[in-house]
Amino acid sequence: MRGYIKNYIKNSNAKNLHNLRIECRRKLSYLSIEGLSDTGCEEILKKSSKLRDIDVMLKICKNKKLRKILKKKRKKLNK
């Protein structure tokens, strides 16, 4: 898990965010089977959901003006 966090901090691109979120979901899924939870993973997922939505929109969007707006929003949310 720490490796995914370090990768995202080093290079906060869409792929690293996606990988971090997948690992959080895997961990939470495993823990739920055991009746446990991880508030850290839950917080990561909660705080990164809008950022991930923007990444997906950027991937499918072809409008240059809209892409520019989305990139500004992503930069602001990433801080």
PDB file of N, CA and C in Angstrom:
ATOM      1  N   MET A   1       0.820  -1.188   0.000  1.00  0.00           N
ATOM      2  CA  MET A   1       0.000   0.000   0.000  1.00  0.00           C
ATOM      3  C   MET A   1       0.868   1.258   0.000  1.00  0.00           C
ATOM      4  N   ARG A   2       1.908   1.228   0.793  1.00  0.00           N
ATOM      5  CA  ARG A   2       2.792   2.399   0.864  1.00  0.00           C
ATOM      6  C   ARG A   2       3.439   2.695  -0.482  1.00  0.00           C
ATOM      7  N   GLY A   3       3.730   1.642  -1.231  1.00  0.00           N
ATOM      8  CA  GLY A   3       4.324   1.815  -2.547  1.00  0.00           C
ATOM      9  C   GLY A   3       3.404   2.587  -3.480  1.00  0.00           C
ATOM     10  N   TYR A   4       2.116   2.278  -3.421  1.00  0.00           N
ATOM     11  CA  TYR A   4       1.148   2.986  -4.259  1.00  0.00           C
ATOM     12  C   TYR A   4       1.041   4.454  -3.850  1.00  0.00           C
ATOM     13  N   ILE A   5       1.079   4.700  -2.561  1.00  0.00           N
ATOM     14  CA  ILE A   5       1.014   6.081  -2.070  1.00  0.00           C
ATOM     15  C   ILE A   5       2.265   6.842  -2.495  1.00  0.00           C
ATOM     16  N   LYS A   6       3.433   6.216  -2.345  1.00  0.00           N
ATOM     17  CA  LYS A   6       4.682   6.869  -2.752  1.00  0.00           C
ATOM     18  C   LYS A   6       4.691   7.159  -4.249  1.00  0.00           C
ATOM     19  N   ASN A   7       4.218   6.208  -5.052  1.00  0.00           N
ATOM     20  CA  ASN A   7       4.154   6.428  -6.495  1.00  0.00           C
ATOM     21  C   ASN A   7       3.257   7.609  -6.833  1.00  0.00           C
ATOM     22  N   TYR A   8       2.126   7.699  -6.151  1.00  0.00           N
ATOM     23  CA  TYR A   8       1.210   8.804  -6.438  1.00  0.00           C
ATOM     24  C   TYR A   8       1.796  10.144  -6.002  1.00  0.00           C
ATOM     25  N   ILE A   9       2.464  10.166  -4.872  1.00  0.00           N
ATOM     26  CA  ILE A   9       3.082  11.414  -4.400  1.00  0.00           C
ATOM     27  C   ILE A   9       4.192  11.833  -5.364  1.00  0.00           C
ATOM     28  N   LYS A  10       4.962  10.872  -5.843  1.00  0.00           N
ATOM     29  CA  LYS A  10       6.055  11.164  -6.766  1.00  0.00           C
ATOM     30  C   LYS A  10       5.530  11.663  -8.108  1.00  0.00           C
ATOM     31  N   ASN A  11       4.485  11.011  -8.607  1.00  0.00           N
ATOM     32  CA  ASN A  11       3.936  11.358  -9.914  1.00  0.00           C
ATOM     33  C   ASN A  11       2.419  11.218  -9.846  1.00  0.00           C
ATOM     34  N   SER A  12       1.744  12.321  -9.625  1.00  0.00           N
ATOM     35  CA  SER A  12       0.299  12.286  -9.387  1.00  0.00           C
ATOM     36  C   SER A  12      -0.496  12.273 -10.695  1.00  0.00           C
ATOM     37  N   ASN A  13      -0.270  11.241 -11.498  1.00  0.00           N
ATOM     38  CA  ASN A  13      -1.017  11.123 -12.740  1.00  0.00           C
ATOM     39  C   ASN A  13      -2.230  10.209 -12.556  1.00  0.00           C
ATOM     40  N   ALA A  14      -3.041  10.123 -13.607  1.00  0.00           N
ATOM     41  CA  ALA A  14      -4.282   9.352 -13.538  1.00  0.00           C
ATOM     42  C   ALA A  14      -4.032   7.870 -13.267  1.00  0.00           C
ATOM     43  N   LYS A  15      -2.994   7.303 -13.875  1.00  0.00           N
ATOM     44  CA  LYS A  15      -2.713   5.880 -13.707  1.00  0.00           C
ATOM     45  C   LYS A  15      -2.348   5.549 -12.264  1.00  0.00           C
ATOM     46  N   ASN A  16      -1.501   6.366 -11.656  1.00  0.00           N
ATOM     47  CA  ASN A  16      -1.106   6.121 -10.266  1.00  0.00           C
ATOM     48  C   ASN A  16      -2.285   6.287  -9.312  1.00  0.00           C
ATOM     49  N   LEU A  17      -3.140   7.266  -9.574  1.00  0.00           N
ATOM     50  CA  LEU A  17      -4.333   7.448  -8.745  1.00  0.00           C
ATOM     51  C   LEU A  17      -5.243   6.225  -8.883  1.00  0.00           C
ATOM     52  N   HIS A  18      -5.436   5.766 -10.098  1.00  0.00           N
ATOM     53  CA  HIS A  18      -6.276   4.600 -10.348  1.00  0.00           C
ATOM     54  C   HIS A  18      -5.731   3.375  -9.601  1.00  0.00           C
ATOM     55  N   ASN A  19      -4.430   3.153  -9.693  1.00  0.00           N
ATOM     56  CA  ASN A  19      -3.814   2.010  -9.004  1.00  0.00           C
ATOM     57  C   ASN A  19      -3.954   2.112  -7.491  1.00  0.00           C
ATOM     58  N   LEU A  20      -3.789   3.300  -6.956  1.00  0.00           N
ATOM     59  CA  LEU A  20      -3.946   3.515  -5.514  1.00  0.00           C
ATOM     60  C   LEU A  20      -5.375   3.212  -5.075  1.00  0.00           C
ATOM     61  N   ARG A  21      -6.336   3.690  -5.841  1.00  0.00           N
ATOM     62  CA  ARG A  21      -7.740   3.451  -5.499  1.00  0.00           C
ATOM     63  C   ARG A  21      -8.098   1.962  -5.589  1.00  0.00           C
ATOM     64  N   ILE A  22      -7.562   1.282  -6.597  1.00  0.00           N
ATOM     65  CA  ILE A  22      -7.820  -0.159  -6.721  1.00  0.00           C
ATOM     66  C   ILE A  22      -7.271  -0.897  -5.508  1.00  0.00           C
ATOM     67  N   GLU A  23      -6.069  -0.559  -5.097  1.00  0.00           N
ATOM     68  CA  GLU A  23      -5.464  -1.227  -3.943  1.00  0.00           C
ATOM     69  C   GLU A  23      -6.264  -0.952  -2.669  1.00  0.00           C
ATOM     70  N   CYS A  24      -6.751   0.262  -2.518  1.00  0.00           N
ATOM     71  CA  CYS A  24      -7.596   0.581  -1.353  1.00  0.00           C
ATOM     72  C   CYS A  24      -8.866  -0.261  -1.360  1.00  0.00           C
ATOM     73  N   ARG A  25      -9.488  -0.384  -2.521  1.00  0.00           N
ATOM     74  CA  ARG A  25     -10.706  -1.189  -2.618  1.00  0.00           C
ATOM     75  C   ARG A  25     -10.428  -2.659  -2.317  1.00  0.00           C
ATOM     76  N   ARG A  26      -9.315  -3.177  -2.799  1.00  0.00           N
ATOM     77  CA  ARG A  26      -8.947  -4.571  -2.505  1.00  0.00           C
ATOM     78  C   ARG A  26      -8.767  -4.778  -1.009  1.00  0.00           C
ATOM     79  N   LYS A  27      -8.054  -3.840  -0.399  1.00  0.00           N
ATOM     80  CA  LYS A  27      -7.796  -3.953   1.036  1.00  0.00           C
ATOM     81  C   LYS A  27      -9.101  -3.885   1.825  1.00  0.00           C
ATOM     82  N   LEU A  28      -9.966  -2.938   1.470  1.00  0.00           N
ATOM     83  CA  LEU A  28     -11.239  -2.815   2.177  1.00  0.00           C
ATOM     84  C   LEU A  28     -12.120  -4.040   1.971  1.00  0.00           C
ATOM     85  N   SER A  29     -12.078  -4.609   0.778  1.00  0.00           N
ATOM     86  CA  SER A  29     -12.848  -5.819   0.499  1.00  0.00           C
ATOM     87  C   SER A  29     -12.368  -6.975   1.367  1.00  0.00           C
ATOM     88  N   TYR A  30     -11.064  -7.146   1.434  1.00  0.00           N
ATOM     89  CA  TYR A  30     -10.495  -8.212   2.260  1.00  0.00           C
ATOM     90  C   TYR A  30     -10.833  -7.994   3.735  1.00  0.00           C
ATOM     91  N   LEU A  31     -10.682  -6.760   4.195  1.00  0.00           N
ATOM     92  CA  LEU A  31     -10.952  -6.472   5.604  1.00  0.00           C
ATOM     93  C   LEU A  31     -12.425  -6.671   5.956  1.00  0.00           C
ATOM     94  N   SER A  32     -13.318  -6.357   5.017  1.00  0.00           N
ATOM     95  CA  SER A  32     -14.750  -6.507   5.303  1.00  0.00           C
ATOM     96  C   SER A  32     -15.122  -7.974   5.524  1.00  0.00           C
ATOM     97  N   ILE A  33     -14.410  -8.871   4.832  1.00  0.00           N
ATOM     98  CA  ILE A  33     -14.639 -10.306   5.046  1.00  0.00           C
ATOM     99  C   ILE A  33     -14.305 -10.676   6.485  1.00  0.00           C
ATOM    100  N   GLU A  34     -13.279 -10.033   7.019  1.00  0.00           N
ATOM    101  CA  GLU A  34     -12.847 -10.292   8.399  1.00  0.00           C
ATOM    102  C   GLU A  34     -13.634  -9.466   9.427  1.00  0.00           C
ATOM    103  N   GLY A  35     -14.537  -8.608   8.947  1.00  0.00           N
ATOM    104  CA  GLY A  35     -15.320  -7.769   9.846  1.00  0.00           C
ATOM    105  C   GLY A  35     -14.554  -6.548  10.329  1.00  0.00           C
ATOM    106  N   LEU A  36     -13.527  -6.159   9.593  1.00  0.00           N
ATOM    107  CA  LEU A  36     -12.692  -5.022   9.970  1.00  0.00           C
ATOM    108  C   LEU A  36     -12.841  -3.898   8.952  1.00  0.00           C
ATOM    109  N   SER A  37     -12.229  -2.754   9.250  1.00  0.00           N
ATOM    110  CA  SER A  37     -12.229  -1.648   8.293  1.00  0.00           C
ATOM    111  C   SER A  37     -10.907  -0.892   8.402  1.00  0.00           C
ATOM    112  N   ASP A  38     -10.686  -0.002   7.463  1.00  0.00           N
ATOM    113  CA  ASP A  38      -9.484   0.824   7.444  1.00  0.00           C
ATOM    114  C   ASP A  38      -9.914   2.244   7.111  1.00  0.00           C
ATOM    115  N   THR A  39      -9.911   3.099   8.103  1.00  0.00           N
ATOM    116  CA  THR A  39     -10.379   4.467   7.884  1.00  0.00           C
ATOM    117  C   THR A  39      -9.452   5.237   6.952  1.00  0.00           C
ATOM    118  N   GLY A  40      -8.187   4.871   6.912  1.00  0.00           N
ATOM    119  CA  GLY A  40      -7.246   5.529   6.009  1.00  0.00           C
ATOM    120  C   GLY A  40      -7.616   5.289   4.552  1.00  0.00           C
ATOM    121  N   CYS A  41      -7.896   4.041   4.216  1.00  0.00           N
ATOM    122  CA  CYS A  41      -8.303   3.706   2.842  1.00  0.00           C
ATOM    123  C   CYS A  41      -9.647   4.343   2.507  1.00  0.00           C
ATOM    124  N   GLU A  42     -10.553   4.319   3.452  1.00  0.00           N
ATOM    125  CA  GLU A  42     -11.856   4.943   3.218  1.00  0.00           C
ATOM    126  C   GLU A  42     -11.696   6.433   2.939  1.00  0.00           C
ATOM    127  N   GLU A  43     -10.815   7.070   3.662  1.00  0.00           N
ATOM    128  CA  GLU A  43     -10.565   8.505   3.473  1.00  0.00           C
ATOM    129  C   GLU A  43      -9.917   8.782   2.118  1.00  0.00           C
ATOM    130  N   ILE A  44      -8.977   7.944   1.722  1.00  0.00           N
ATOM    131  CA  ILE A  44      -8.336   8.097   0.403  1.00  0.00           C
ATOM    132  C   ILE A  44      -9.382   8.007  -0.695  1.00  0.00           C
ATOM    133  N   LEU A  45     -10.246   7.022  -0.607  1.00  0.00           N
ATOM    134  CA  LEU A  45     -11.281   6.847  -1.626  1.00  0.00           C
ATOM    135  C   LEU A  45     -12.246   8.026  -1.657  1.00  0.00           C
ATOM    136  N   LYS A  46     -12.620   8.482  -0.483  1.00  0.00           N
ATOM    137  CA  LYS A  46     -13.565   9.598  -0.395  1.00  0.00           C
ATOM    138  C   LYS A  46     -12.969  10.873  -0.991  1.00  0.00           C
ATOM    139  N   LYS A  47     -11.736  11.171  -0.632  1.00  0.00           N
ATOM    140  CA  LYS A  47     -11.116  12.409  -1.085  1.00  0.00           C
ATOM    141  C   LYS A  47     -10.682  12.365  -2.545  1.00  0.00           C
ATOM    142  N   SER A  48     -10.459  11.190  -3.077  1.00  0.00           N
ATOM    143  CA  SER A  48      -9.955  11.106  -4.445  1.00  0.00           C
ATOM    144  C   SER A  48     -11.033  10.823  -5.483  1.00  0.00           C
ATOM    145  N   SER A  49     -12.265  10.649  -5.066  1.00  0.00           N
ATOM    146  CA  SER A  49     -13.303  10.265  -6.027  1.00  0.00           C
ATOM    147  C   SER A  49     -13.555  11.344  -7.076  1.00  0.00           C
ATOM    148  N   LYS A  50     -13.608  12.604  -6.691  1.00  0.00           N
ATOM    149  CA  LYS A  50     -13.827  13.678  -7.662  1.00  0.00           C
ATOM    150  C   LYS A  50     -12.648  13.785  -8.622  1.00  0.00           C
ATOM    151  N   LEU A  51     -11.469  13.619  -8.103  1.00  0.00           N
ATOM    152  CA  LEU A  51     -10.270  13.673  -8.933  1.00  0.00           C
ATOM    153  C   LEU A  51     -10.288  12.548  -9.963  1.00  0.00           C
ATOM    154  N   ARG A  52     -10.667  11.375  -9.550  1.00  0.00           N
ATOM    155  CA  ARG A  52     -10.747  10.242 -10.475  1.00  0.00           C
ATOM    156  C   ARG A  52     -11.835  10.473 -11.523  1.00  0.00           C
ATOM    157  N   ASP A  53     -12.957  11.045 -11.121  1.00  0.00           N
ATOM    158  CA  ASP A  53     -14.019  11.360 -12.081  1.00  0.00           C
ATOM    159  C   ASP A  53     -13.501  12.300 -13.166  1.00  0.00           C
ATOM    160  N   ILE A  54     -12.726  13.294 -12.766  1.00  0.00           N
ATOM    161  CA  ILE A  54     -12.159  14.234 -13.728  1.00  0.00           C
ATOM    162  C   ILE A  54     -11.188  13.516 -14.662  1.00  0.00           C
ATOM    163  N   ASP A  55     -10.384  12.615 -14.131  1.00  0.00           N
ATOM    164  CA  ASP A  55      -9.457  11.848 -14.974  1.00  0.00           C
ATOM    165  C   ASP A  55     -10.212  11.069 -16.049  1.00  0.00           C
ATOM    166  N   VAL A  56     -11.312  10.451 -15.670  1.00  0.00           N
ATOM    167  CA  VAL A  56     -12.112   9.686 -16.622  1.00  0.00           C
ATOM    168  C   VAL A  56     -12.714  10.621 -17.670  1.00  0.00           C
ATOM    169  N   MET A  57     -13.237  11.770 -17.232  1.00  0.00           N
ATOM    170  CA  MET A  57     -13.811  12.726 -18.179  1.00  0.00           C
ATOM    171  C   MET A  57     -12.752  13.244 -19.152  1.00  0.00           C
ATOM    172  N   LEU A  58     -11.554  13.500 -18.645  1.00  0.00           N
ATOM    173  CA  LEU A  58     -10.470  13.951 -19.522  1.00  0.00           C
ATOM    174  C   LEU A  58     -10.126  12.899 -20.576  1.00  0.00           C
ATOM    175  N   LYS A  59     -10.235  11.655 -20.210  1.00  0.00           N
ATOM    176  CA  LYS A  59      -9.898  10.587 -21.140  1.00  0.00           C
ATOM    177  C   LYS A  59     -10.898  10.494 -22.295  1.00  0.00           C
ATOM    178  N   ILE A  60     -12.161  10.786 -22.026  1.00  0.00           N
ATOM    179  CA  ILE A  60     -13.176  10.632 -23.070  1.00  0.00           C
ATOM    180  C   ILE A  60     -13.563  11.946 -23.749  1.00  0.00           C
ATOM    181  N   CYS A  61     -13.205  13.067 -23.151  1.00  0.00           N
ATOM    182  CA  CYS A  61     -13.612  14.370 -23.671  1.00  0.00           C
ATOM    183  C   CYS A  61     -12.757  14.782 -24.873  1.00  0.00           C
ATOM    184  N   LYS A  62     -13.406  15.323 -25.894  1.00  0.00           N
ATOM    185  CA  LYS A  62     -12.693  15.769 -27.082  1.00  0.00           C
ATOM    186  C   LYS A  62     -12.748  17.292 -27.249  1.00  0.00           C
ATOM    187  N   ASN A  63     -13.621  17.949 -26.502  1.00  0.00           N
ATOM    188  CA  ASN A  63     -13.773  19.397 -26.576  1.00  0.00           C
ATOM    189  C   ASN A  63     -12.595  20.084 -25.888  1.00  0.00           C
ATOM    190  N   LYS A  64     -11.867  20.915 -26.628  1.00  0.00           N
ATOM    191  CA  LYS A  64     -10.652  21.545 -26.098  1.00  0.00           C
ATOM    192  C   LYS A  64     -10.946  22.489 -24.939  1.00  0.00           C
ATOM    193  N   LYS A  65     -12.023  23.260 -25.056  1.00  0.00           N
ATOM    194  CA  LYS A  65     -12.352  24.200 -23.975  1.00  0.00           C
ATOM    195  C   LYS A  65     -12.717  23.458 -22.693  1.00  0.00           C
ATOM    196  N   LEU A  66     -13.504  22.430 -22.842  1.00  0.00           N
ATOM    197  CA  LEU A  66     -13.900  21.638 -21.676  1.00  0.00           C
ATOM    198  C   LEU A  66     -12.694  20.932 -21.063  1.00  0.00           C
ATOM    199  N   ARG A  67     -11.800  20.401 -21.902  1.00  0.00           N
ATOM    200  CA  ARG A  67     -10.583  19.751 -21.400  1.00  0.00           C
ATOM    201  C   ARG A  67      -9.732  20.733 -20.602  1.00  0.00           C
ATOM    202  N   LYS A  68      -9.644  21.975 -21.081  1.00  0.00           N
ATOM    203  CA  LYS A  68      -8.870  22.996 -20.377  1.00  0.00           C
ATOM    204  C   LYS A  68      -9.466  23.270 -18.997  1.00  0.00           C
ATOM    205  N   ILE A  69     -10.778  23.366 -18.933  1.00  0.00           N
ATOM    206  CA  ILE A  69     -11.466  23.586 -17.657  1.00  0.00           C
ATOM    207  C   ILE A  69     -11.238  22.404 -16.715  1.00  0.00           C
ATOM    208  N   LEU A  70     -11.360  21.198 -17.254  1.00  0.00           N
ATOM    209  CA  LEU A  70     -11.157  19.999 -16.434  1.00  0.00           C
ATOM    210  C   LEU A  70      -9.731  19.904 -15.911  1.00  0.00           C
ATOM    211  N   LYS A  71      -8.764  20.266 -16.738  1.00  0.00           N
ATOM    212  CA  LYS A  71      -7.365  20.234 -16.297  1.00  0.00           C
ATOM    213  C   LYS A  71      -7.117  21.221 -15.165  1.00  0.00           C
ATOM    214  N   LYS A  72      -7.731  22.412 -15.253  1.00  0.00           N
ATOM    215  CA  LYS A  72      -7.600  23.397 -14.162  1.00  0.00           C
ATOM    216  C   LYS A  72      -8.217  22.850 -12.888  1.00  0.00           C
ATOM    217  N   LYS A  73      -9.392  22.258 -13.025  1.00  0.00           N
ATOM    218  CA  LYS A  73     -10.087  21.696 -11.858  1.00  0.00           C
ATOM    219  C   LYS A  73      -9.255  20.565 -11.240  1.00  0.00           C
ATOM    220  N   ARG A  74      -8.665  19.717 -12.081  1.00  0.00           N
ATOM    221  CA  ARG A  74      -7.842  18.622 -11.578  1.00  0.00           C
ATOM    222  C   ARG A  74      -6.639  19.142 -10.812  1.00  0.00           C
ATOM    223  N   LYS A  75      -6.001  20.152 -11.373  1.00  0.00           N
ATOM    224  CA  LYS A  75      -4.828  20.737 -10.714  1.00  0.00           C
ATOM    225  C   LYS A  75      -5.209  21.298  -9.343  1.00  0.00           C
ATOM    226  N   LYS A  76      -6.350  21.965  -9.279  1.00  0.00           N
ATOM    227  CA  LYS A  76      -6.813  22.544  -8.015  1.00  0.00           C
ATOM    228  C   LYS A  76      -7.144  21.447  -6.994  1.00  0.00           C
ATOM    229  N   LEU A  77      -7.834  20.410  -7.430  1.00  0.00           N
ATOM    230  CA  LEU A  77      -8.193  19.315  -6.520  1.00  0.00           C
ATOM    231  C   LEU A  77      -6.979  18.506  -6.067  1.00  0.00           C
ATOM    232  N   ASN A  78      -5.965  18.423  -6.906  1.00  0.00           N
ATOM    233  CA  ASN A  78      -4.793  17.615  -6.590  1.00  0.00           C
ATOM    234  C   ASN A  78      -3.951  18.201  -5.461  1.00  0.00           C
ATOM    235  N   LYS A  79      -4.116  19.480  -5.189  1.00  0.00           N
ATOM    236  CA  LYS A  79      -3.331  20.114  -4.114  1.00  0.00           C
ATOM    237  C   LYS A  79      -3.805  19.608  -2.811  1.00  0.00           C
TER     238      LYS A  79
END
